[in-house]
Protein backbone atom coordinates (compact mmCIF):
# COMPACT_ATOMS: atom_id res chain seq x y z
CA MET A 1 0.00 0.00 0.00
CA SER A 2 1.34 3.46 -0.90
CA ARG A 3 2.02 6.11 1.76
CA ALA A 4 -0.50 8.38 0.06
CA ARG A 5 -3.16 5.71 0.40
CA GLU A 6 -2.27 5.18 4.09
CA PHE A 7 -2.66 8.89 4.80
CA ALA A 8 -5.96 8.97 2.93
CA ASP A 9 -7.24 6.04 5.01
CA LEU A 10 -6.14 7.79 8.19
CA ALA A 11 -8.01 10.93 7.21
CA GLY A 12 -11.11 8.87 6.49
CA SER A 13 -10.77 7.14 9.84
CA ALA A 14 -10.70 10.50 11.64
CA ASP A 15 -13.81 11.64 9.77
CA ALA A 16 -15.53 8.43 10.87
CA GLY A 17 -14.56 8.96 14.49
CA GLY A 18 -11.44 6.77 14.43
CA LEU A 19 -7.89 7.58 15.56
CA THR A 20 -8.89 7.26 19.20
CA GLY A 21 -6.77 8.85 21.87
CA ARG A 22 -6.48 12.18 20.06
CA ASN A 23 -8.34 14.20 22.66
CA LEU A 24 -6.31 15.32 25.69
CA ILE A 25 -9.47 16.65 27.34
CA ILE A 26 -11.44 14.32 29.61
CA ASN A 27 -15.25 14.49 29.49
CA GLY A 28 -15.23 17.00 26.65
CA ALA A 29 -18.80 16.08 25.70
CA MET A 30 -19.89 16.77 29.30
CA GLN A 31 -21.43 13.29 29.65
CA VAL A 32 -20.29 12.58 33.21
CA ALA A 33 -21.68 14.58 36.15
CA GLN A 34 -21.03 12.55 39.32
CA ARG A 35 -21.48 15.46 41.72
CA GLY A 36 -24.79 16.75 40.38
CA ASP A 37 -25.55 20.48 40.20
CA GLN A 38 -23.19 22.64 42.25
CA SER A 39 -25.04 25.72 43.48
CA SER A 40 -23.63 28.71 45.39
CA LEU A 41 -20.29 27.90 43.77
CA THR A 42 -17.57 30.49 44.27
CA SER A 43 -14.66 28.24 43.29
CA GLY A 44 -14.42 24.49 42.80
CA TYR A 45 -15.54 21.66 40.59
CA THR A 46 -18.76 22.19 38.67
CA GLY A 47 -21.45 19.53 38.35
CA VAL A 48 -19.67 18.30 35.19
CA ASP A 49 -16.61 16.18 35.99
CA ARG A 50 -13.11 17.58 35.32
CA PHE A 51 -14.32 21.17 34.71
CA THR A 52 -13.87 23.76 37.45
CA PHE A 53 -15.05 27.28 38.06
CA THR A 54 -12.64 29.63 39.81
CA ARG A 55 -12.75 33.32 40.54
CA THR A 56 -11.84 36.28 42.68
CA GLY A 57 -14.44 38.95 43.37
CA ALA A 58 -18.13 38.56 44.08
CA ALA A 59 -19.43 36.29 41.35
CA VAL A 60 -21.38 33.18 42.46
CA VAL A 61 -22.57 30.55 40.00
CA THR A 62 -24.39 27.27 39.64
CA GLY A 63 -22.32 24.83 37.59
CA LYS A 64 -24.39 22.02 36.15
CA GLN A 65 -24.87 19.56 33.33
CA ALA A 66 -27.39 20.86 30.81
CA GLY A 67 -29.42 18.40 28.77
CA ALA A 68 -30.25 18.06 25.10
CA SER A 69 -32.49 21.15 25.02
CA ASP A 70 -29.46 23.30 25.95
CA SER A 71 -26.90 21.43 23.83
CA PRO A 72 -26.05 21.32 20.10
CA GLN A 73 -27.78 17.96 19.71
CA SER A 74 -28.01 18.21 15.94
CA ASN A 75 -24.19 18.31 15.91
CA GLY A 76 -23.84 15.20 18.06
CA PHE A 77 -23.88 16.54 21.64
CA GLY A 78 -26.63 15.73 24.10
CA ALA A 79 -25.11 17.47 27.12
CA SER A 80 -23.21 20.63 27.93
CA LEU A 81 -21.69 22.49 30.86
CA GLU A 82 -23.92 25.36 31.97
CA ILE A 83 -22.48 28.17 34.09
CA ASP A 84 -25.50 29.98 35.56
CA ILE A 85 -24.53 33.35 37.03
CA THR A 86 -26.63 33.60 40.20
CA THR A 87 -24.79 36.54 41.81
CA ALA A 88 -23.12 39.12 39.58
CA ASP A 89 -19.74 40.73 40.17
CA SER A 90 -20.98 44.26 39.58
CA SER A 91 -17.74 45.97 40.69
CA LEU A 92 -15.18 43.89 38.73
CA ALA A 93 -12.14 45.27 40.53
CA ALA A 94 -8.75 45.33 38.81
CA GLY A 95 -7.66 41.96 40.20
CA ASP A 96 -10.99 40.15 39.73
CA PHE A 97 -11.45 37.31 37.29
CA ALA A 98 -13.69 34.32 36.66
CA LEU A 99 -12.71 31.23 34.67
CA VAL A 100 -13.92 27.83 33.54
CA ARG A 101 -11.00 25.46 33.20
CA GLN A 102 -9.70 21.91 32.97
CA ILE A 103 -6.32 20.88 34.42
CA ILE A 104 -4.33 18.17 32.62
CA GLU A 105 -1.77 15.88 34.26
CA GLY A 106 1.82 16.36 33.15
CA GLN A 107 2.32 12.70 32.25
CA ASN A 108 -0.59 12.93 29.80
CA LEU A 109 1.19 15.74 27.90
CA GLN A 110 4.52 14.09 27.07
CA GLY A 111 3.52 13.66 23.42
CA LEU A 112 3.57 17.46 23.03
CA LYS A 113 7.39 17.41 23.44
CA TYR A 114 7.41 20.75 25.22
CA GLY A 115 10.86 22.04 26.13
CA THR A 116 12.34 20.81 22.84
CA SER A 117 12.76 22.27 19.37
CA SER A 118 10.20 19.69 18.20
CA ALA A 119 7.42 21.02 20.47
CA GLU A 120 4.07 20.25 18.87
CA ASN A 121 1.40 22.75 17.95
CA VAL A 122 -2.03 21.91 19.35
CA ALA A 123 -5.54 22.60 18.10
CA LEU A 124 -8.36 23.46 20.50
CA SER A 125 -11.94 23.12 19.30
CA PHE A 126 -15.23 23.51 21.15
CA TRP A 127 -18.91 24.48 20.94
CA VAL A 128 -19.93 27.59 22.88
CA LYS A 129 -23.13 29.55 23.53
CA SER A 130 -23.16 32.95 25.24
CA PRO A 131 -25.48 35.97 25.41
CA LYS A 132 -22.41 38.21 25.05
CA THR A 133 -21.40 38.77 21.43
CA GLY A 134 -17.98 39.99 20.43
CA THR A 135 -14.52 39.10 21.69
CA HIS A 136 -14.05 36.20 24.08
CA ILE A 137 -10.80 34.68 25.34
CA VAL A 138 -9.57 31.13 25.81
CA GLY A 139 -6.02 30.24 26.75
CA LEU A 140 -3.47 27.64 27.78
CA TYR A 141 -1.25 27.87 30.85
CA HIS A 142 1.92 25.78 31.13
CA TYR A 143 2.69 25.15 34.80
CA ASP A 144 6.37 24.22 34.54
CA GLY A 145 7.19 27.22 32.35
CA ASN A 146 4.74 29.56 34.15
CA VAL A 147 3.67 30.97 30.78
CA PHE A 148 0.38 31.75 29.06
CA ASN A 149 -0.88 31.64 25.50
CA SER A 150 -4.24 33.42 25.26
CA GLN A 151 -6.23 33.82 22.07
CA ALA A 152 -9.43 35.56 21.05
CA TYR A 153 -12.48 34.05 19.45
CA THR A 154 -15.69 35.79 18.43
CA VAL A 155 -19.25 35.04 19.49
CA ASN A 156 -21.22 36.25 16.48
CA SER A 157 -24.81 35.63 17.60
CA ALA A 158 -26.16 35.82 21.13
CA ASN A 159 -27.49 32.60 22.68
CA THR A 160 -26.61 30.56 19.60
CA TRP A 161 -24.36 27.51 19.49
CA GLU A 162 -21.18 28.21 17.53
CA HIS A 163 -18.16 26.00 16.81
CA LYS A 164 -14.71 27.47 17.41
CA THR A 165 -11.22 26.25 16.48
CA LEU A 166 -7.89 27.78 17.49
CA SER A 167 -4.26 26.69 17.02
CA PHE A 168 -1.55 27.18 19.67
CA VAL A 169 2.18 27.02 18.91
CA GLY A 170 4.32 24.55 20.83
CA TYR A 171 6.33 25.75 23.83
CA GLN A 172 10.03 25.04 23.31
CA THR A 173 11.64 26.46 26.45
CA THR A 174 10.59 24.32 29.43
CA ALA A 175 9.65 20.64 29.52
CA THR A 176 6.49 19.33 31.13
CA ALA A 177 7.25 17.17 34.16
CA ASN A 178 6.44 13.53 33.51
CA ASP A 179 4.41 13.00 36.68
CA ASN A 180 0.88 13.14 38.11
CA THR A 181 0.95 16.84 38.99
CA GLN A 182 -0.49 19.83 37.13
CA GLY A 183 0.92 20.09 33.62
CA MET A 184 -1.36 22.41 31.69
CA LEU A 185 -4.69 24.08 32.08
CA VAL A 186 -7.18 25.13 29.41
CA GLN A 187 -9.28 28.09 30.53
CA TRP A 188 -12.22 30.09 29.23
CA TRP A 189 -12.31 33.61 30.67
CA LEU A 190 -15.73 34.73 31.89
CA SER A 191 -14.49 38.04 33.27
CA ALA A 192 -11.24 39.92 33.67
CA GLY A 193 -10.39 43.08 35.57
CA SER A 194 -7.76 45.49 34.33
CA THR A 195 -4.94 43.50 35.97
CA TYR A 196 -5.53 40.74 33.43
CA SER A 197 -6.96 42.56 30.43
CA GLY A 198 -4.61 45.45 29.84
CA GLY A 199 -2.68 46.05 26.65
CA THR A 200 -2.92 44.33 23.30
CA LEU A 201 -3.50 40.59 23.17
CA ALA A 202 -0.30 38.85 22.09
CA SER A 203 -0.72 36.88 18.87
CA ASN A 204 -0.28 33.14 19.50
CA THR A 205 2.82 33.48 21.65
CA TRP A 206 3.77 32.26 25.13
CA HIS A 207 4.34 35.03 27.65
CA THR A 208 4.53 35.77 31.38
CA THR A 209 2.98 39.25 31.27
CA THR A 210 0.25 39.81 33.87
CA ALA A 211 -1.86 41.65 31.32
CA ASN A 212 -2.70 40.21 27.89
CA ARG A 213 -4.18 37.05 29.39
CA ALA A 214 -7.72 38.18 28.62
CA VAL A 215 -9.51 41.08 27.00
CA GLY A 216 -13.05 42.17 26.37
CA GLN A 217 -15.06 39.52 28.19
CA VAL A 218 -17.28 40.31 31.19
CA ASN A 219 -19.80 37.51 31.41
CA VAL A 220 -20.23 37.50 35.19
CA THR A 221 -21.24 41.14 35.59
CA ASP A 222 -24.89 40.40 34.82
CA SER A 223 -26.94 37.74 36.64
CA THR A 224 -30.24 38.12 34.78
CA SER A 225 -29.50 36.79 31.30
CA ASN A 226 -25.95 35.63 31.18
CA ASN A 227 -25.55 31.86 31.20
CA PHE A 228 -22.45 30.44 29.53
CA TYR A 229 -22.57 27.01 27.82
CA LEU A 230 -19.70 24.81 26.65
CA THR A 231 -19.39 21.34 25.09
CA GLY A 232 -17.50 19.34 22.46
CA VAL A 233 -14.11 20.37 23.87
CA GLN A 234 -11.12 18.78 22.15
CA LEU A 235 -7.39 19.50 22.50
CA GLU A 236 -5.14 17.56 20.12
CA VAL A 237 -1.73 17.55 18.50
CA GLY A 238 -1.58 19.42 15.20
CA GLU A 239 -2.53 22.76 13.71
CA GLN A 240 -5.86 21.55 12.34
CA ALA A 241 -8.75 20.28 14.43
CA THR A 242 -10.20 16.89 13.53
CA PRO A 243 -13.80 15.76 14.12
CA PHE A 244 -14.63 15.36 17.80
CA GLU A 245 -13.56 12.06 19.33
CA HIS A 246 -16.79 10.69 20.77
CA ARG A 247 -16.09 8.23 23.57
CA SER A 248 -18.60 6.07 25.38
CA VAL A 249 -20.03 7.18 28.71
CA ALA A 250 -18.36 4.14 30.32
CA ASP A 251 -14.98 5.20 28.92
CA GLU A 252 -15.37 8.82 30.07
CA LEU A 253 -16.60 7.72 33.51
CA ALA A 254 -13.52 5.54 34.00
CA ARG A 255 -11.27 8.46 33.04
CA CYS A 256 -13.11 10.77 35.44
CA GLN A 257 -12.95 8.27 38.29
CA ARG A 258 -9.17 8.56 38.35
CA TYR A 259 -9.85 11.99 39.89
CA ALA A 260 -13.22 11.62 41.61
CA TYR A 261 -15.29 8.61 42.69
CA MET A 262 -18.81 9.07 44.03
CA ILE A 263 -20.80 6.50 46.02
CA GLY A 264 -24.46 7.40 46.30
CA ASP A 265 -26.64 9.47 44.00
CA PRO A 266 -26.74 13.24 44.60
CA VAL A 267 -29.38 13.73 41.91
CA ASN A 268 -31.96 10.99 42.56
CA SER A 269 -32.48 11.29 46.31
CA GLY A 270 -34.70 8.20 46.37
CA GLN A 271 -31.85 5.99 45.18
CA ARG A 272 -30.37 3.63 47.80
CA ASP A 273 -26.84 2.34 47.18
CA ILE A 274 -24.76 -0.25 48.98
CA VAL A 275 -21.45 1.15 50.25
CA ASN A 276 -19.93 -2.21 51.15
CA ASN A 277 -19.81 -5.01 53.69
CA GLY A 278 -17.59 -4.44 56.71
CA VAL A 279 -16.97 -5.49 60.28
CA ALA A 280 -17.85 -4.00 63.66
CA PHE A 281 -14.91 -2.80 65.76
CA GLY A 282 -16.52 -2.69 69.17
CA THR A 283 -20.11 -1.55 69.65
CA THR A 284 -19.89 1.90 68.03
CA THR A 285 -17.68 1.65 64.93
CA GLY A 286 -18.14 -0.11 61.61
CA TYR A 287 -14.99 -0.48 59.49
CA PHE A 288 -15.30 -0.75 55.70
CA ALA A 289 -12.89 -1.27 52.79
CA ILE A 290 -13.83 0.59 49.58
CA PRO A 291 -12.04 -0.69 46.45
CA PHE A 292 -11.87 1.97 43.74
CA PRO A 293 -12.97 1.11 40.18
CA CYS A 294 -9.58 2.33 38.92
CA THR A 295 -6.32 3.54 40.42
CA MET A 296 -6.82 7.14 41.47
CA ARG A 297 -4.29 9.87 40.69
CA THR A 298 -3.15 10.01 44.31
CA GLU A 299 -4.45 9.04 47.75
CA PRO A 300 -7.88 10.70 47.88
CA SER A 301 -9.63 12.82 50.45
CA LEU A 302 -13.24 12.14 51.46
CA THR A 303 -16.19 14.53 51.41
CA VAL A 304 -19.34 13.22 53.13
CA ASN A 305 -22.73 14.67 52.22
CA ASN A 306 -25.70 13.93 54.49
CA GLY A 307 -23.62 11.66 56.71
CA SER A 308 -26.56 10.97 58.99
CA TYR A 309 -28.46 9.48 56.04
CA PHE A 310 -26.35 6.29 56.13
CA ARG A 311 -27.48 3.06 57.79
CA LEU A 312 -25.76 -0.07 59.10
CA HIS A 313 -27.31 -3.53 59.04
CA SER A 314 -25.94 -6.47 61.04
CA THR A 315 -27.19 -9.56 62.85
CA SER A 316 -27.15 -7.63 66.13
CA GLY A 317 -29.44 -4.94 64.84
CA GLY A 318 -31.02 -3.85 61.55
CA GLY A 319 -31.08 -0.29 60.36
CA LEU A 320 -28.67 1.23 62.85
CA GLY A 321 -28.28 4.99 62.43
CA VAL A 322 -24.91 6.55 61.53
CA THR A 323 -23.75 9.77 63.20
CA ALA A 324 -20.41 10.26 61.42
CA VAL A 325 -18.35 8.87 58.53
CA ALA A 326 -14.59 9.45 58.19
CA ILE A 327 -11.72 8.19 56.07
CA ASP A 328 -8.83 6.28 57.65
CA SER A 329 -5.99 8.12 55.91
CA GLY A 330 -3.36 5.88 57.48
CA ASP A 331 -4.59 2.83 55.56
CA THR A 332 -6.02 4.47 52.41
CA THR A 333 -4.09 4.26 49.12
CA GLU A 334 -4.71 5.17 45.47
CA ARG A 335 -6.42 1.78 45.02
CA MET A 336 -8.56 1.43 48.14
CA ALA A 337 -9.97 3.51 50.98
CA PHE A 338 -10.87 2.48 54.50
CA ILE A 339 -13.70 4.34 56.22
CA ASN A 340 -15.13 4.35 59.74
CA ALA A 341 -18.87 4.75 60.39
CA THR A 342 -19.88 5.75 63.91
CA SER A 343 -23.08 4.13 65.17
CA SER A 344 -24.37 2.28 68.24
CA GLY A 345 -25.75 -1.17 69.00
CA LEU A 346 -23.08 -3.11 67.07
CA THR A 347 -21.44 -6.30 68.31
CA ALA A 348 -17.66 -6.51 67.99
CA GLY A 349 -16.52 -8.89 65.27
CA GLN A 350 -19.87 -9.17 63.51
CA GLY A 351 -20.27 -8.38 59.84
CA THR A 352 -22.22 -5.25 58.93
CA LEU A 353 -23.60 -3.77 55.72
CA MET A 354 -23.52 -0.02 55.05
CA VAL A 355 -26.11 1.63 52.77
CA THR A 356 -26.70 5.23 51.69
CA SER A 357 -30.03 5.78 53.44
CA ASP A 358 -31.58 5.86 56.90
CA SER A 359 -35.13 4.97 57.87
CA SER A 360 -36.68 8.02 56.20
CA ASN A 361 -34.02 9.75 54.06
CA ASN A 362 -31.98 8.86 51.01
CA GLY A 363 -29.26 10.89 49.36
CA GLY A 364 -26.13 10.30 51.44
CA THR A 365 -22.98 10.43 49.29
CA LEU A 366 -19.28 9.72 49.68
CA LEU A 367 -16.97 11.64 47.29
CA PHE A 368 -13.38 10.39 47.11
CA SER A 369 -11.36 13.15 45.47
CA ALA A 370 -7.86 13.03 43.97
CA GLU A 371 -8.37 16.11 41.78
CA LEU A 372 -5.49 18.23 40.55
């Protein structure tokens, strides 16, 4: 087979959704939302896995997964990230900003060959909908080099889905550490005070200047009609974007669970889940091992929601109430966590089952987090 024919077949494979592994973004189609809607969010992970909202100033948002009615379904996307501005930052002081971003592990970026003369260009493509027409800013930040490359894109029609593609030159000066720490972030600016928006936007170059990171965009200064939507995010090697790499929900969930693993259902409060079988240590403590579905990025922390909604069942007593749940950090690893549930009426040495509901309430959740 000729080389020309091989390249033609590769191009056809990309058009058909082949050449898997191109997309460096996890959950770019916004399919996975383990946490559920995140309201009163000032900074932190949104309802959509792997995408965060961060800010200074007064802006408060709800970050959630929007369904097909708020997604470019005719272009192959049934979900999107919705940033709902619930409290506006009316002052927008010089140092204020608001961003939506995803952080990428350094060891997932080695193919970019940063820090060498062969550093690869990358293409970023995405679907966006905003009520604010005109100039918007999206950029890359390289942690090891402490440099930015910010570029402008234009929203032509308010509240209309539009597809955007930008190319970023490779960074030749500093290598990306080959480890599980922060390597690069991709960030969409929702607002920028004068500290970040002064001067003329540099044209596809890497720089350390405080200004020139963002210009023109002030999406969080209005809370009445100012929701920002994003989906179909793809970052890939090359100057030209290829068709979006659609991955199965199961595939995206597994990728997301390297960083966050949720037990329980924060959305469907009537859903009862089994945490695991364990053993009673004395009369007041149940001890449980929680194997993770994949190796997490690092030893996780535990966030408990509605801890009193859990229940223990054993031969010494059914439906025993739980007053506290905590992680045993001394025994927890990237592959398994150990948790303690405080209760009463247990018998030392007996087996016990832990579930995410009490006698009248459902909705308890355990979030193991190894986020960047």
